[in-house]
C-alpha atoms as a PDB file:
ATOM      1  CA  UNK A   1      16.174  22.725  23.712  1.00  0.00           C
ATOM      2  CA  UNK A   2      14.318  20.341  21.368  1.00  0.00           C
ATOM      3  CA  UNK A   3      16.018  17.451  19.639  1.00  0.00           C
ATOM      4  CA  UNK A   4      16.831  17.785  15.948  1.00  0.00           C
ATOM      5  CA  UNK A   5      14.735  15.528  13.722  1.00  0.00           C
ATOM      6  CA  UNK A   6      17.784  13.648  12.471  1.00  0.00           C
ATOM      7  CA  UNK A   7      18.483  12.565  16.085  1.00  0.00           C
ATOM      8  CA  UNK A   8      15.265  10.525  16.374  1.00  0.00           C
ATOM      9  CA  UNK A   9      15.767   6.755  16.593  1.00  0.00           C
ATOM     10  CA  UNK A  10      13.442   3.943  15.527  1.00  0.00           C
ATOM     11  CA  UNK A  11      11.881   2.186  18.518  1.00  0.00           C
ATOM     12  CA  UNK A  12      12.344   5.092  20.931  1.00  0.00           C
ATOM     13  CA  UNK A  13       9.580   7.126  22.570  1.00  0.00           C
ATOM     14  CA  UNK A  14       9.442  10.927  22.505  1.00  0.00           C
ATOM     15  CA  UNK A  15       7.233  13.680  23.902  1.00  0.00           C
ATOM     16  CA  UNK A  16       6.428  16.494  21.494  1.00  0.00           C
ATOM     17  CA  UNK A  17       4.812  19.762  22.542  1.00  0.00           C
ATOM     18  CA  UNK A  18       3.630  22.130  19.820  1.00  0.00           C
ATOM     19  CA  UNK A  19       0.970  24.875  19.890  1.00  0.00           C
ATOM     20  CA  UNK A  20      -0.151  23.766  23.368  1.00  0.00           C
ATOM     21  CA  UNK A  21      -0.670  20.112  22.432  1.00  0.00           C
ATOM     22  CA  UNK A  22       1.422  17.393  24.048  1.00  0.00           C
ATOM     23  CA  UNK A  23       1.849  14.052  22.271  1.00  0.00           C
ATOM     24  CA  UNK A  24       3.744  10.917  23.240  1.00  0.00           C
ATOM     25  CA  UNK A  25       5.107   9.320  20.077  1.00  0.00           C
ATOM     26  CA  UNK A  26       6.931   6.089  19.282  1.00  0.00           C
ATOM     27  CA  UNK A  27       9.067   6.142  16.140  1.00  0.00           C
ATOM     28  CA  UNK A  28       8.181   3.135  13.977  1.00  0.00           C
ATOM     29  CA  UNK A  29      10.102   3.785  10.761  1.00  0.00           C
ATOM     30  CA  UNK A  30      12.349   6.347   9.104  1.00  0.00           C
ATOM     31  CA  UNK A  31      10.800   7.344   5.784  1.00  0.00           C
ATOM     32  CA  UNK A  32      13.500   9.812   4.686  1.00  0.00           C
ATOM     33  CA  UNK A  33      16.046  12.129   6.273  1.00  0.00           C
ATOM     34  CA  UNK A  34      13.428  14.420   7.831  1.00  0.00           C
ATOM     35  CA  UNK A  35      10.284  12.295   8.098  1.00  0.00           C
ATOM     36  CA  UNK A  36       9.260   9.350  10.256  1.00  0.00           C
ATOM     37  CA  UNK A  37       6.233   7.118  10.676  1.00  0.00           C
ATOM     38  CA  UNK A  38       5.146   7.439  14.320  1.00  0.00           C
ATOM     39  CA  UNK A  39       2.584   5.877  16.652  1.00  0.00           C
ATOM     40  CA  UNK A  40       0.685   8.215  18.975  1.00  0.00           C
ATOM     41  CA  UNK A  41       0.891   6.318  22.284  1.00  0.00           C
ATOM     42  CA  UNK A  42      -2.296   7.963  23.623  1.00  0.00           C
ATOM     43  CA  UNK A  43      -4.665   7.405  20.669  1.00  0.00           C
ATOM     44  CA  UNK A  44      -2.792   4.541  18.917  1.00  0.00           C
ATOM     45  CA  UNK A  45      -3.081   6.417  15.604  1.00  0.00           C
ATOM     46  CA  UNK A  46      -0.283   6.296  13.035  1.00  0.00           C
ATOM     47  CA  UNK A  47       1.059   9.544  11.580  1.00  0.00           C
ATOM     48  CA  UNK A  48       3.924  10.812   9.537  1.00  0.00           C
ATOM     49  CA  UNK A  49       5.930  13.239  11.657  1.00  0.00           C
ATOM     50  CA  UNK A  50       5.656  15.901   8.948  1.00  0.00           C
ATOM     51  CA  UNK A  51       1.851  15.859   9.431  1.00  0.00           C
ATOM     52  CA  UNK A  52       2.337  16.951  13.034  1.00  0.00           C
ATOM     53  CA  UNK A  53       4.539  19.932  12.187  1.00  0.00           C
ATOM     54  CA  UNK A  54       2.980  20.797   8.816  1.00  0.00           C
ATOM     55  CA  UNK A  55       1.623  24.124  10.079  1.00  0.00           C
ATOM     56  CA  UNK A  56       4.908  25.166  11.670  1.00  0.00           C
ATOM     57  CA  UNK A  57       6.526  25.076  15.047  1.00  0.00           C
ATOM     58  CA  UNK A  58       4.977  27.163  17.797  1.00  0.00           C
ATOM     59  CA  UNK A  59       6.852  29.187  20.396  1.00  0.00           C
ATOM     60  CA  UNK A  60       6.328  26.285  22.825  1.00  0.00           C
ATOM     61  CA  UNK A  61       7.729  23.601  20.440  1.00  0.00           C
ATOM     62  CA  UNK A  62       9.745  20.960  22.280  1.00  0.00           C
ATOM     63  CA  UNK A  63      10.804  17.405  21.425  1.00  0.00           C
ATOM     64  CA  UNK A  64      12.492  15.206  24.026  1.00  0.00           C
ATOM     65  CA  UNK A  65      13.138  11.501  24.442  1.00  0.00           C
ATOM     66  CA  UNK A  66      11.299   9.742  27.260  1.00  0.00           C
ATOM     67  CA  UNK A  67      13.396   7.247  29.189  1.00  0.00           C
ATOM     68  CA  UNK A  68      11.214   4.141  29.522  1.00  0.00           C
ATOM     69  CA  UNK A  69      13.816   1.844  31.135  1.00  0.00           C
END
């Protein structure tokens, strides 16, 4: 079961799967209650989380925290 967006924490790393794409994201900043500025750990590009789910959530949508300790 994916995490709810309001459970994301600044500084933590998450793996998001949506429409067959897997991304490893680090949350940099909370913009508002449902949007975050994130860093794609693979490409080092900055996104707003809403850009990644703009076209909806696929049947394979999943969002989980990665334990990097």
